[in-house]
Amino acid sequence: MKSASLLIAAFLTLILGVAGILVTISAQEQELIALDWASNETLDMSSARDPGPAGSINSSVTLTLSTHEYATDPWKIGETDCNIANFALFNQSGDTMTETTDYVLNAAVGTLTLVNNSNMNDVTSNISSTSYQYCPDEFLTQSWTRSVMDVVIGFFALSLLIVSVGIFYQIAKQEGLFGYGI
């Protein structure tokens, strides 16, 4: 009877530990170490457009990305691990614009300025779109802290495995499965 209860305890430790606790902790860890996506965010260019029929762009006007206002979150400004990543700007026709040719991005603070060229001079619309990755509020900004989080999850999984193997070994020893030349 004691062996059966130990066997059940070992299985519960392994199954509940991996399926319940480890999966939950891993999901929480992902929120701390992964960047969020802003896809097809609308960017209003009207403030950067000079008045007149040509629709030229005033390249001295700074536009701010709106999904996450970096300019108002002082803890993110200057964090090299927390810059805007994988940024893409699309003009009114949906064409992908080229950095430095069509726009200049300040990834550290989430702002951009447009370049006055034919790609951005379509006067039929003042709306373009952007896609990029940014740091959520819970993001761990130092890379070493993200590495430690990964290691903690790994050691937790190893500890569950060691406890389960130890219980299985104890049961096998108790039932006499070792030392009989089987």
Foldseek 3Di string as FASTA:
>chain_A
DVLVVLLVVLVCLQCCLVVPVLVVLVVVLCLAAPWDKDPFQKWFQVVQFDDDDQRWGNQVDKGARPVDQLQPVVVQAPLPQFFKAPKWKAEPVRDTDDDPVAKDAPRSGRMIGGDGDPRHRPPPGRIITMMITGRDPNYDRDPVVSVVSVVVSVVSSVVSVVVSVVSVVVSCVVVPVPDPPD
